Amino acid sequence: MPSFADTGRSAAPAEELWKLLGDPARFPEWWAGHPDFPLPQLAQSAQDGRRVVIACRVSDLRFEWRLEPEADGTRIDVLVDVPEREATRLDEQRDMIRRSLEQLAEVAAATPL
């Protein structure tokens, strides 16, 4: 299964990013892909408030988002698993994740505390 990882940073605290990642209703605020994606989806979060897994039930794409607090904000890591039948979309997914990371970081940083 093809996969790739990307990393971004936000000036926002992890709690603000968590609010965006953990609430599927807020995905349109930062998700750079198709406006209906990742619907239908499965979103699972870790108890520690630092990891969210979003999996598309239609295409079987899997996105694992991890948050790591840093002194000046939060590091955002994402690991993407792309099923073989979707491998032709790998470059498209890399671009979409890069744009989503940037938008997520910006939206979270713009949210008042």
N, C-alpha and C. Protein backbone atom coordinates (compact mmCIF):
# COMPACT_ATOMS: atom_id res chain seq x y z
N MET A 1 0.85 -1.17 0.00
CA MET A 1 0.00 0.00 0.00
C MET A 1 0.90 1.24 0.00
N PRO A 2 0.74 2.10 -0.99
CA PRO A 2 1.53 3.34 -0.99
C PRO A 2 1.15 4.22 0.20
N SER A 3 2.13 4.92 0.71
CA SER A 3 1.87 5.86 1.79
C SER A 3 2.88 6.99 1.71
N PHE A 4 2.57 8.07 2.41
CA PHE A 4 3.49 9.19 2.49
C PHE A 4 3.18 9.97 3.76
N ALA A 5 4.10 10.80 4.15
CA ALA A 5 3.94 11.62 5.36
C ALA A 5 4.25 13.07 5.01
N ASP A 6 3.69 13.97 5.79
CA ASP A 6 3.97 15.39 5.65
C ASP A 6 3.90 16.01 7.03
N THR A 7 4.54 17.15 7.19
CA THR A 7 4.58 17.85 8.47
C THR A 7 4.35 19.32 8.26
N GLY A 8 3.61 19.92 9.17
CA GLY A 8 3.39 21.36 9.16
C GLY A 8 3.49 21.88 10.57
N ARG A 9 3.43 23.18 10.70
CA ARG A 9 3.48 23.81 12.03
C ARG A 9 2.43 24.89 12.10
N SER A 10 1.90 25.07 13.30
CA SER A 10 0.93 26.13 13.53
C SER A 10 1.32 26.90 14.78
N ALA A 11 1.06 28.19 14.77
CA ALA A 11 1.29 29.00 15.96
C ALA A 11 0.23 28.71 17.02
N ALA A 12 -0.82 28.02 16.64
CA ALA A 12 -1.92 27.72 17.56
C ALA A 12 -1.53 26.61 18.54
N PRO A 13 -2.12 26.64 19.73
CA PRO A 13 -1.91 25.52 20.65
C PRO A 13 -2.61 24.26 20.13
N ALA A 14 -2.14 23.12 20.57
CA ALA A 14 -2.70 21.84 20.12
C ALA A 14 -4.20 21.76 20.35
N GLU A 15 -4.71 22.38 21.41
CA GLU A 15 -6.14 22.32 21.71
C GLU A 15 -6.99 22.91 20.59
N GLU A 16 -6.51 23.99 19.97
CA GLU A 16 -7.26 24.62 18.87
C GLU A 16 -7.26 23.72 17.63
N LEU A 17 -6.12 23.09 17.36
CA LEU A 17 -6.05 22.16 16.24
C LEU A 17 -6.93 20.95 16.49
N TRP A 18 -6.92 20.48 17.71
CA TRP A 18 -7.73 19.32 18.08
C TRP A 18 -9.21 19.58 17.81
N LYS A 19 -9.67 20.79 18.11
CA LYS A 19 -11.08 21.15 17.88
C LYS A 19 -11.44 21.02 16.40
N LEU A 20 -10.52 21.38 15.53
CA LEU A 20 -10.76 21.30 14.09
C LEU A 20 -10.65 19.88 13.56
N LEU A 21 -9.65 19.15 14.02
CA LEU A 21 -9.43 17.77 13.56
C LEU A 21 -10.47 16.80 14.10
N GLY A 22 -10.89 17.01 15.32
CA GLY A 22 -11.78 16.06 15.98
C GLY A 22 -13.26 16.24 15.69
N ASP A 23 -13.62 17.25 14.91
CA ASP A 23 -15.03 17.53 14.63
C ASP A 23 -15.27 17.50 13.12
N PRO A 24 -15.82 16.39 12.60
CA PRO A 24 -16.05 16.29 11.16
C PRO A 24 -16.88 17.43 10.58
N ALA A 25 -17.73 18.04 11.37
CA ALA A 25 -18.54 19.17 10.88
C ALA A 25 -17.66 20.38 10.54
N ARG A 26 -16.44 20.42 11.11
CA ARG A 26 -15.54 21.55 10.86
C ARG A 26 -14.51 21.28 9.76
N PHE A 27 -14.52 20.07 9.19
CA PHE A 27 -13.57 19.75 8.12
C PHE A 27 -13.61 20.76 6.98
N PRO A 28 -14.78 21.22 6.54
CA PRO A 28 -14.80 22.18 5.42
C PRO A 28 -14.03 23.47 5.69
N GLU A 29 -13.77 23.78 6.95
CA GLU A 29 -13.01 24.99 7.28
C GLU A 29 -11.54 24.89 6.87
N TRP A 30 -11.02 23.67 6.78
CA TRP A 30 -9.60 23.51 6.50
C TRP A 30 -9.28 22.46 5.45
N TRP A 31 -10.19 21.55 5.16
CA TRP A 31 -9.91 20.45 4.24
C TRP A 31 -9.82 20.98 2.82
N ALA A 32 -8.72 20.74 2.13
CA ALA A 32 -8.48 21.28 0.79
C ALA A 32 -8.98 20.36 -0.32
N GLY A 33 -9.45 19.19 0.04
CA GLY A 33 -9.92 18.25 -0.98
C GLY A 33 -11.35 18.52 -1.37
N HIS A 34 -11.96 17.55 -1.98
CA HIS A 34 -13.35 17.63 -2.41
C HIS A 34 -14.20 18.03 -1.21
N PRO A 35 -15.15 18.95 -1.39
CA PRO A 35 -15.92 19.45 -0.24
C PRO A 35 -16.71 18.37 0.50
N ASP A 36 -17.04 17.27 -0.18
CA ASP A 36 -17.78 16.19 0.49
C ASP A 36 -16.85 15.17 1.15
N PHE A 37 -15.56 15.30 0.86
CA PHE A 37 -14.64 14.33 1.46
C PHE A 37 -14.17 14.87 2.79
N PRO A 38 -13.97 14.10 3.78
CA PRO A 38 -14.01 12.65 3.75
C PRO A 38 -15.33 12.08 4.24
N LEU A 39 -16.38 12.32 3.53
CA LEU A 39 -17.69 11.78 3.86
C LEU A 39 -18.06 10.73 2.82
N PRO A 40 -18.58 9.59 3.14
CA PRO A 40 -18.71 9.12 4.52
C PRO A 40 -17.34 8.73 5.07
N GLN A 41 -17.14 9.01 6.30
CA GLN A 41 -15.84 8.74 6.89
C GLN A 41 -15.99 8.13 8.28
N LEU A 42 -14.88 7.66 8.74
CA LEU A 42 -14.75 7.19 10.10
C LEU A 42 -13.69 8.06 10.73
N ALA A 43 -14.01 8.75 11.78
CA ALA A 43 -13.03 9.57 12.49
C ALA A 43 -12.85 9.00 13.89
N GLN A 44 -11.63 8.66 14.23
CA GLN A 44 -11.31 8.12 15.55
C GLN A 44 -10.25 8.99 16.18
N SER A 45 -10.38 9.26 17.45
CA SER A 45 -9.38 10.06 18.14
C SER A 45 -8.79 9.29 19.30
N ALA A 46 -7.55 9.62 19.61
CA ALA A 46 -6.86 8.98 20.73
C ALA A 46 -7.26 9.67 22.02
N GLN A 47 -7.19 8.97 23.10
CA GLN A 47 -7.55 9.50 24.41
C GLN A 47 -6.66 10.66 24.84
N ASP A 48 -5.43 10.69 24.34
CA ASP A 48 -4.50 11.73 24.79
C ASP A 48 -4.71 13.07 24.09
N GLY A 49 -5.65 13.13 23.14
CA GLY A 49 -5.92 14.39 22.47
C GLY A 49 -4.84 14.81 21.50
N ARG A 50 -4.07 13.86 21.01
CA ARG A 50 -2.97 14.20 20.10
C ARG A 50 -3.03 13.47 18.77
N ARG A 51 -4.02 12.61 18.56
CA ARG A 51 -4.05 11.83 17.32
C ARG A 51 -5.49 11.65 16.87
N VAL A 52 -5.70 11.87 15.57
CA VAL A 52 -7.00 11.63 14.94
C VAL A 52 -6.76 10.84 13.67
N VAL A 53 -7.54 9.79 13.47
CA VAL A 53 -7.47 9.00 12.25
C VAL A 53 -8.78 9.22 11.50
N ILE A 54 -8.66 9.63 10.24
CA ILE A 54 -9.82 9.82 9.38
C ILE A 54 -9.68 8.82 8.25
N ALA A 55 -10.69 8.00 8.05
CA ALA A 55 -10.66 7.00 6.99
C ALA A 55 -11.91 7.14 6.14
N CYS A 56 -11.71 7.21 4.83
CA CYS A 56 -12.82 7.29 3.90
C CYS A 56 -13.36 5.88 3.68
N ARG A 57 -14.64 5.69 3.90
CA ARG A 57 -15.24 4.37 3.75
C ARG A 57 -15.47 4.00 2.29
N VAL A 58 -15.39 4.96 1.39
CA VAL A 58 -15.60 4.69 -0.02
C VAL A 58 -14.30 4.30 -0.70
N SER A 59 -13.26 5.10 -0.53
CA SER A 59 -11.99 4.85 -1.24
C SER A 59 -10.94 4.16 -0.38
N ASP A 60 -11.19 4.01 0.91
CA ASP A 60 -10.25 3.38 1.85
C ASP A 60 -8.98 4.19 2.06
N LEU A 61 -8.98 5.47 1.71
CA LEU A 61 -7.86 6.34 2.07
C LEU A 61 -7.86 6.50 3.58
N ARG A 62 -6.69 6.55 4.17
CA ARG A 62 -6.57 6.68 5.62
C ARG A 62 -5.58 7.80 5.94
N PHE A 63 -6.00 8.71 6.80
CA PHE A 63 -5.21 9.87 7.19
C PHE A 63 -5.03 9.86 8.70
N GLU A 64 -3.81 9.74 9.17
CA GLU A 64 -3.54 9.79 10.61
C GLU A 64 -2.86 11.10 10.92
N TRP A 65 -3.55 11.94 11.68
CA TRP A 65 -3.05 13.26 12.07
C TRP A 65 -2.54 13.19 13.49
N ARG A 66 -1.34 13.71 13.73
CA ARG A 66 -0.75 13.72 15.07
C ARG A 66 -0.34 15.14 15.42
N LEU A 67 -0.60 15.51 16.65
CA LEU A 67 -0.26 16.84 17.15
C LEU A 67 0.80 16.72 18.22
N GLU A 68 1.81 17.57 18.12
CA GLU A 68 2.88 17.58 19.12
C GLU A 68 3.12 19.03 19.55
N PRO A 69 2.73 19.36 20.79
CA PRO A 69 2.96 20.72 21.28
C PRO A 69 4.44 21.07 21.25
N GLU A 70 4.74 22.31 20.85
CA GLU A 70 6.09 22.84 20.84
C GLU A 70 6.06 24.19 21.55
N ALA A 71 7.21 24.72 21.85
CA ALA A 71 7.30 25.98 22.59
C ALA A 71 6.56 27.13 21.90
N ASP A 72 6.60 27.14 20.57
CA ASP A 72 6.00 28.25 19.83
C ASP A 72 4.73 27.86 19.08
N GLY A 73 4.09 26.77 19.45
CA GLY A 73 2.86 26.33 18.79
C GLY A 73 2.75 24.82 18.79
N THR A 74 2.44 24.27 17.62
CA THR A 74 2.21 22.83 17.51
C THR A 74 2.75 22.30 16.19
N ARG A 75 3.43 21.17 16.26
CA ARG A 75 3.82 20.46 15.05
C ARG A 75 2.66 19.54 14.66
N ILE A 76 2.34 19.52 13.37
CA ILE A 76 1.26 18.69 12.85
C ILE A 76 1.89 17.67 11.90
N ASP A 77 1.77 16.41 12.22
CA ASP A 77 2.26 15.35 11.34
C ASP A 77 1.05 14.61 10.78
N VAL A 78 1.13 14.24 9.53
CA VAL A 78 0.07 13.43 8.93
C VAL A 78 0.70 12.30 8.13
N LEU A 79 0.16 11.10 8.32
CA LEU A 79 0.56 9.92 7.58
C LEU A 79 -0.64 9.49 6.75
N VAL A 80 -0.43 9.31 5.46
CA VAL A 80 -1.52 8.96 4.55
C VAL A 80 -1.25 7.59 3.95
N ASP A 81 -2.23 6.70 4.04
CA ASP A 81 -2.19 5.39 3.39
C ASP A 81 -3.16 5.42 2.22
N VAL A 82 -2.65 5.05 1.05
CA VAL A 82 -3.45 5.08 -0.17
C VAL A 82 -3.55 3.64 -0.69
N PRO A 83 -4.76 3.09 -0.83
CA PRO A 83 -4.86 1.72 -1.33
C PRO A 83 -4.33 1.61 -2.76
N GLU A 84 -3.86 0.44 -3.13
CA GLU A 84 -3.29 0.22 -4.47
C GLU A 84 -4.21 0.71 -5.58
N ARG A 85 -5.50 0.46 -5.46
CA ARG A 85 -6.42 0.84 -6.53
C ARG A 85 -6.53 2.36 -6.69
N GLU A 86 -6.04 3.13 -5.69
CA GLU A 86 -6.07 4.59 -5.74
C GLU A 86 -4.66 5.17 -5.97
N ALA A 87 -3.69 4.32 -6.24
CA ALA A 87 -2.29 4.75 -6.36
C ALA A 87 -2.07 5.79 -7.43
N THR A 88 -2.88 5.81 -8.45
CA THR A 88 -2.73 6.83 -9.50
C THR A 88 -3.02 8.23 -8.98
N ARG A 89 -3.66 8.33 -7.82
CA ARG A 89 -4.00 9.62 -7.22
C ARG A 89 -2.98 10.07 -6.17
N LEU A 90 -1.85 9.39 -6.10
CA LEU A 90 -0.87 9.67 -5.04
C LEU A 90 -0.38 11.12 -5.09
N ASP A 91 0.00 11.61 -6.25
CA ASP A 91 0.47 13.00 -6.35
C ASP A 91 -0.63 13.99 -5.99
N GLU A 92 -1.84 13.70 -6.43
CA GLU A 92 -3.00 14.54 -6.08
C GLU A 92 -3.22 14.58 -4.57
N GLN A 93 -3.06 13.43 -3.92
CA GLN A 93 -3.24 13.36 -2.48
C GLN A 93 -2.13 14.12 -1.75
N ARG A 94 -0.90 14.03 -2.24
CA ARG A 94 0.21 14.78 -1.63
C ARG A 94 -0.07 16.28 -1.67
N ASP A 95 -0.52 16.76 -2.82
CA ASP A 95 -0.83 18.18 -2.97
C ASP A 95 -1.98 18.59 -2.06
N MET A 96 -3.02 17.80 -2.01
CA MET A 96 -4.18 18.10 -1.18
C MET A 96 -3.81 18.13 0.30
N ILE A 97 -2.97 17.20 0.74
CA ILE A 97 -2.55 17.17 2.14
C ILE A 97 -1.69 18.38 2.47
N ARG A 98 -0.81 18.77 1.57
CA ARG A 98 0.02 19.97 1.81
C ARG A 98 -0.87 21.19 2.00
N ARG A 99 -1.86 21.36 1.12
CA ARG A 99 -2.77 22.50 1.22
C ARG A 99 -3.64 22.40 2.48
N SER A 100 -4.07 21.20 2.84
CA SER A 100 -4.88 21.01 4.05
C SER A 100 -4.07 21.34 5.30
N LEU A 101 -2.81 20.91 5.34
CA LEU A 101 -1.94 21.23 6.48
C LEU A 101 -1.82 22.74 6.65
N GLU A 102 -1.58 23.44 5.56
CA GLU A 102 -1.43 24.89 5.61
C GLU A 102 -2.72 25.57 6.08
N GLN A 103 -3.86 25.12 5.53
CA GLN A 103 -5.14 25.71 5.93
C GLN A 103 -5.48 25.40 7.38
N LEU A 104 -5.23 24.17 7.81
CA LEU A 104 -5.48 23.78 9.20
C LEU A 104 -4.67 24.67 10.14
N ALA A 105 -3.39 24.85 9.84
CA ALA A 105 -2.52 25.67 10.67
C ALA A 105 -3.03 27.12 10.74
N GLU A 106 -3.43 27.66 9.59
CA GLU A 106 -3.91 29.04 9.53
C GLU A 106 -5.24 29.23 10.27
N VAL A 107 -6.18 28.33 10.02
CA VAL A 107 -7.50 28.46 10.68
C VAL A 107 -7.34 28.35 12.18
N ALA A 108 -6.56 27.41 12.66
CA ALA A 108 -6.37 27.23 14.11
C ALA A 108 -5.70 28.45 14.72
N ALA A 109 -4.72 29.01 14.03
CA ALA A 109 -4.01 30.18 14.55
C ALA A 109 -4.89 31.41 14.58
N ALA A 110 -5.87 31.48 13.68
CA ALA A 110 -6.77 32.63 13.61
C ALA A 110 -7.93 32.55 14.60
N THR A 111 -8.09 31.38 15.23
CA THR A 111 -9.17 31.19 16.19
C THR A 111 -8.84 31.88 17.49
N PRO A 112 -9.72 32.76 17.98
CA PRO A 112 -9.45 33.41 19.26
C PRO A 112 -9.46 32.41 20.41
N LEU A 113 -8.58 32.61 21.35
CA LEU A 113 -8.52 31.69 22.52
C LEU A 113 -9.64 31.95 23.48
